[in-house]
Each structure stands twice: as C-alpha cells, then as structure tokens.
Amino acid sequence: MRNRRFERGEGNIGCLFGLIILAIAVFIAYKMVPVKVKAADLKQTITDEAKMAGQHTNDLIMKSILAKARENRLPVTEDNVKITRQSGEITVDVEYDVPIDFPGKTWNWHQHIVAQNPIF
C-alpha cells in the first residue's frame, strides 16, 4: 500500500508563487498595453505629418499632433513639440512623459519621438 502522508495537498508553494507572478504580469500588461497602443498611434500620426510636410504648414502639423494626443489622452502640449524645417528636410520632435499609476507608485514613462523626412 502507498504511503499517503505526502498526498495531502501541501507543498504547492511553487504553484502559488507562479500564480502570483502571473497575476503581477497580467496587471502590468493591463496598465501598460493601452498606453503603448496610444503612444504608437501618436507616433504614426507624427510620422504621417512629417511625410506631408510639403503640403502642410507647421501650424497644421502642430494642430494635428495635438488633436491626436488629446484624442488619446496623452499629456502632449505645444511645449513638447518642436518642428524645424531646414535645407529641404523637416524634423518633428515630440518628447513627453506619460504617468502610469501602480499601487503605491506612479511611474513616468518617457517618450521621445523624432520623425525626419525630406520636403517634396
């Protein structure tokens, strides 16, 4: 007959530890993924506006970037956006911090997006 002393269900600390790590990873993903998607959407807008520099003025580019940031609820202001045109090239430089709240701490995720394109 088998010894049932070790079959009482104890000793599952490894499983419990794994579930805790999984729960932490899911929570971090829950907080980070939406912000990353919004930041990627803004980056695409910045890149598209830099490509359209021949047809858009700096004011129109600025308004488009700020509108997309407002739509995505990202903390971008005019002070965060720098648009320069020189020698047939445009550079759109956007730098901002996104606060992400975790229990007991707010983490500022720094974003620096630069798009350079020739002006046609």
C-alpha atoms as a PDB file:
ATOM      1  CA  MET A   1       0.000   0.000   0.000  1.00  0.00           C
ATOM      2  CA  ARG A   2       1.222   3.521  -0.824  1.00  0.00           C
ATOM      3  CA  ASN A   3       2.157   5.984   1.843  1.00  0.00           C
ATOM      4  CA  ARG A   4      -0.470   8.807   1.705  1.00  0.00           C
ATOM      5  CA  ARG A   5       1.408  11.129   4.004  1.00  0.00           C
ATOM      6  CA  PHE A   6       2.651  13.272   1.072  1.00  0.00           C
ATOM      7  CA  GLU A   7      -0.688  13.416  -0.761  1.00  0.00           C
ATOM      8  CA  ARG A   8      -2.463  15.945   1.476  1.00  0.00           C
ATOM      9  CA  GLY A   9      -2.095  18.882  -0.940  1.00  0.00           C
ATOM     10  CA  GLU A  10       0.665  20.669   0.856  1.00  0.00           C
ATOM     11  CA  GLY A  11       3.872  21.634  -0.817  1.00  0.00           C
ATOM     12  CA  ASN A  12       2.265  23.609  -3.643  1.00  0.00           C
ATOM     13  CA  ILE A  13       4.233  26.762  -2.869  1.00  0.00           C
ATOM     14  CA  GLY A  14       5.740  26.665  -6.361  1.00  0.00           C
ATOM     15  CA  CYS A  15       2.316  26.732  -7.968  1.00  0.00           C
ATOM     16  CA  LEU A  16       1.160  29.562  -5.718  1.00  0.00           C
ATOM     17  CA  PHE A  17       4.327  31.539  -6.448  1.00  0.00           C
ATOM     18  CA  GLY A  18       3.793  31.016 -10.188  1.00  0.00           C
ATOM     19  CA  LEU A  19       0.190  32.228  -9.968  1.00  0.00           C
ATOM     20  CA  ILE A  20       1.281  35.347  -8.089  1.00  0.00           C
ATOM     21  CA  ILE A  21       3.921  36.122 -10.729  1.00  0.00           C
ATOM     22  CA  LEU A  22       1.327  35.552 -13.461  1.00  0.00           C
ATOM     23  CA  ALA A  23      -1.144  37.888 -11.722  1.00  0.00           C
ATOM     24  CA  ILE A  24       1.522  40.602 -11.443  1.00  0.00           C
ATOM     25  CA  ALA A  25       2.416  40.228 -15.131  1.00  0.00           C
ATOM     26  CA  VAL A  26      -1.240  40.453 -16.167  1.00  0.00           C
ATOM     27  CA  PHE A  27      -1.729  43.572 -14.010  1.00  0.00           C
ATOM     28  CA  ILE A  28       1.331  45.285 -15.509  1.00  0.00           C
ATOM     29  CA  ALA A  29       0.150  44.405 -19.019  1.00  0.00           C
ATOM     30  CA  TYR A  30      -3.326  45.737 -18.155  1.00  0.00           C
ATOM     31  CA  LYS A  31      -1.779  49.082 -17.191  1.00  0.00           C
ATOM     32  CA  MET A  32       0.886  49.312 -19.934  1.00  0.00           C
ATOM     33  CA  VAL A  33      -0.677  47.947 -23.138  1.00  0.00           C
ATOM     34  CA  PRO A  34      -3.339  50.666 -23.597  1.00  0.00           C
ATOM     35  CA  VAL A  35      -0.744  53.400 -23.086  1.00  0.00           C
ATOM     36  CA  LYS A  36       1.662  51.740 -25.529  1.00  0.00           C
ATOM     37  CA  VAL A  37      -1.097  51.477 -28.159  1.00  0.00           C
ATOM     38  CA  LYS A  38      -1.978  55.157 -27.731  1.00  0.00           C
ATOM     39  CA  ALA A  39       1.701  56.162 -27.949  1.00  0.00           C
ATOM     40  CA  ALA A  40       2.117  54.086 -31.130  1.00  0.00           C
ATOM     41  CA  ASP A  41      -0.944  55.787 -32.630  1.00  0.00           C
ATOM     42  CA  LEU A  42       0.539  59.209 -31.871  1.00  0.00           C
ATOM     43  CA  LYS A  43       3.895  58.129 -33.327  1.00  0.00           C
ATOM     44  CA  GLN A  44       2.147  57.105 -36.552  1.00  0.00           C
ATOM     45  CA  THR A  45       0.423  60.494 -36.729  1.00  0.00           C
ATOM     46  CA  ILE A  46       3.766  62.278 -36.221  1.00  0.00           C
ATOM     47  CA  THR A  47       5.378  60.190 -38.975  1.00  0.00           C
ATOM     48  CA  ASP A  48       2.460  60.802 -41.356  1.00  0.00           C
ATOM     49  CA  GLU A  49       2.523  64.547 -40.716  1.00  0.00           C
ATOM     50  CA  ALA A  50       6.271  64.669 -41.358  1.00  0.00           C
ATOM     51  CA  LYS A  51       5.675  62.921 -44.699  1.00  0.00           C
ATOM     52  CA  MET A  52       3.042  65.532 -45.624  1.00  0.00           C
ATOM     53  CA  ALA A  53       5.302  68.483 -44.797  1.00  0.00           C
ATOM     54  CA  GLY A  54       5.274  69.739 -48.376  1.00  0.00           C
ATOM     55  CA  GLN A  55       1.517  70.285 -48.223  1.00  0.00           C
ATOM     56  CA  HIS A  56       1.045  71.175 -44.539  1.00  0.00           C
ATOM     57  CA  THR A  57       2.255  74.202 -42.641  1.00  0.00           C
ATOM     58  CA  ASN A  58       3.918  73.944 -39.239  1.00  0.00           C
ATOM     59  CA  ASP A  59       0.705  75.188 -37.590  1.00  0.00           C
ATOM     60  CA  LEU A  60      -1.372  72.499 -39.288  1.00  0.00           C
ATOM     61  CA  ILE A  61       1.142  69.815 -38.289  1.00  0.00           C
ATOM     62  CA  MET A  62       1.114  71.078 -34.699  1.00  0.00           C
ATOM     63  CA  LYS A  63      -2.699  71.103 -34.575  1.00  0.00           C
ATOM     64  CA  SER A  64      -2.899  67.574 -35.962  1.00  0.00           C
ATOM     65  CA  ILE A  65      -0.393  66.210 -33.428  1.00  0.00           C
ATOM     66  CA  LEU A  66      -2.071  67.950 -30.509  1.00  0.00           C
ATOM     67  CA  ALA A  67      -5.525  66.780 -31.642  1.00  0.00           C
ATOM     68  CA  LYS A  68      -4.335  63.154 -31.788  1.00  0.00           C
ATOM     69  CA  ALA A  69      -2.686  63.500 -28.368  1.00  0.00           C
ATOM     70  CA  ARG A  70      -5.895  64.945 -26.930  1.00  0.00           C
ATOM     71  CA  GLU A  71      -7.935  62.159 -28.541  1.00  0.00           C
ATOM     72  CA  ASN A  72      -5.631  59.556 -26.957  1.00  0.00           C
ATOM     73  CA  ARG A  73      -5.470  61.439 -23.638  1.00  0.00           C
ATOM     74  CA  LEU A  74      -1.693  61.798 -23.796  1.00  0.00           C
ATOM     75  CA  PRO A  75      -0.045  64.722 -21.960  1.00  0.00           C
ATOM     76  CA  VAL A  76       1.394  66.492 -25.023  1.00  0.00           C
ATOM     77  CA  THR A  77       1.382  70.288 -25.218  1.00  0.00           C
ATOM     78  CA  GLU A  78       2.824  72.787 -27.688  1.00  0.00           C
ATOM     79  CA  ASP A  79       5.922  72.997 -25.496  1.00  0.00           C
ATOM     80  CA  ASN A  80       6.561  69.274 -26.096  1.00  0.00           C
ATOM     81  CA  VAL A  81       6.501  69.568 -29.909  1.00  0.00           C
ATOM     82  CA  LYS A  82       9.363  71.053 -31.936  1.00  0.00           C
ATOM     83  CA  ILE A  83       9.052  71.399 -35.700  1.00  0.00           C
ATOM     84  CA  THR A  84      12.064  72.536 -37.712  1.00  0.00           C
ATOM     85  CA  ARG A  85      12.493  72.908 -41.460  1.00  0.00           C
ATOM     86  CA  GLN A  86      15.938  73.311 -42.931  1.00  0.00           C
ATOM     87  CA  SER A  87      17.617  72.554 -46.245  1.00  0.00           C
ATOM     88  CA  GLY A  88      14.697  70.633 -47.728  1.00  0.00           C
ATOM     89  CA  GLU A  89      14.062  68.478 -44.668  1.00  0.00           C
ATOM     90  CA  ILE A  90      11.577  68.567 -41.802  1.00  0.00           C
ATOM     91  CA  THR A  91      12.178  67.291 -38.304  1.00  0.00           C
ATOM     92  CA  VAL A  92       9.282  66.763 -35.918  1.00  0.00           C
ATOM     93  CA  ASP A  93      10.480  66.124 -32.383  1.00  0.00           C
ATOM     94  CA  VAL A  94       7.976  65.229 -29.658  1.00  0.00           C
ATOM     95  CA  GLU A  95       9.043  64.481 -26.085  1.00  0.00           C
ATOM     96  CA  TYR A  96       6.662  63.799 -23.200  1.00  0.00           C
ATOM     97  CA  ASP A  97       6.134  61.688 -20.085  1.00  0.00           C
ATOM     98  CA  VAL A  98       3.071  59.517 -19.509  1.00  0.00           C
ATOM     99  CA  PRO A  99       2.244  58.900 -15.832  1.00  0.00           C
ATOM    100  CA  ILE A 100       1.169  55.315 -15.163  1.00  0.00           C
ATOM    101  CA  ASP A 101      -0.314  54.629 -11.741  1.00  0.00           C
ATOM    102  CA  PHE A 102       0.659  51.456  -9.938  1.00  0.00           C
ATOM    103  CA  PRO A 103      -0.277  50.667  -6.335  1.00  0.00           C
ATOM    104  CA  GLY A 104       1.999  52.787  -4.177  1.00  0.00           C
ATOM    105  CA  LYS A 105       3.898  54.405  -7.064  1.00  0.00           C
ATOM    106  CA  THR A 106       3.354  56.486 -10.172  1.00  0.00           C
ATOM    107  CA  TRP A 107       5.799  55.641 -12.938  1.00  0.00           C
ATOM    108  CA  ASN A 108       6.544  58.253 -15.617  1.00  0.00           C
ATOM    109  CA  TRP A 109       7.073  56.519 -18.955  1.00  0.00           C
ATOM    110  CA  HIS A 110       9.290  58.794 -21.055  1.00  0.00           C
ATOM    111  CA  GLN A 111       8.581  59.029 -24.779  1.00  0.00           C
ATOM    112  CA  HIS A 112      10.813  60.726 -27.341  1.00  0.00           C
ATOM    113  CA  ILE A 113       9.621  60.518 -30.933  1.00  0.00           C
ATOM    114  CA  VAL A 114      11.591  62.003 -33.818  1.00  0.00           C
ATOM    115  CA  ALA A 115      10.412  61.933 -37.421  1.00  0.00           C
ATOM    116  CA  GLN A 116      12.623  63.263 -40.216  1.00  0.00           C
ATOM    117  CA  ASN A 117      11.614  63.415 -43.863  1.00  0.00           C
ATOM    118  CA  PRO A 118      12.580  65.318 -46.985  1.00  0.00           C
ATOM    119  CA  ILE A 119      10.146  68.017 -48.048  1.00  0.00           C
ATOM    120  CA  PHE A 120       8.750  67.487 -51.536  1.00  0.00           C
END
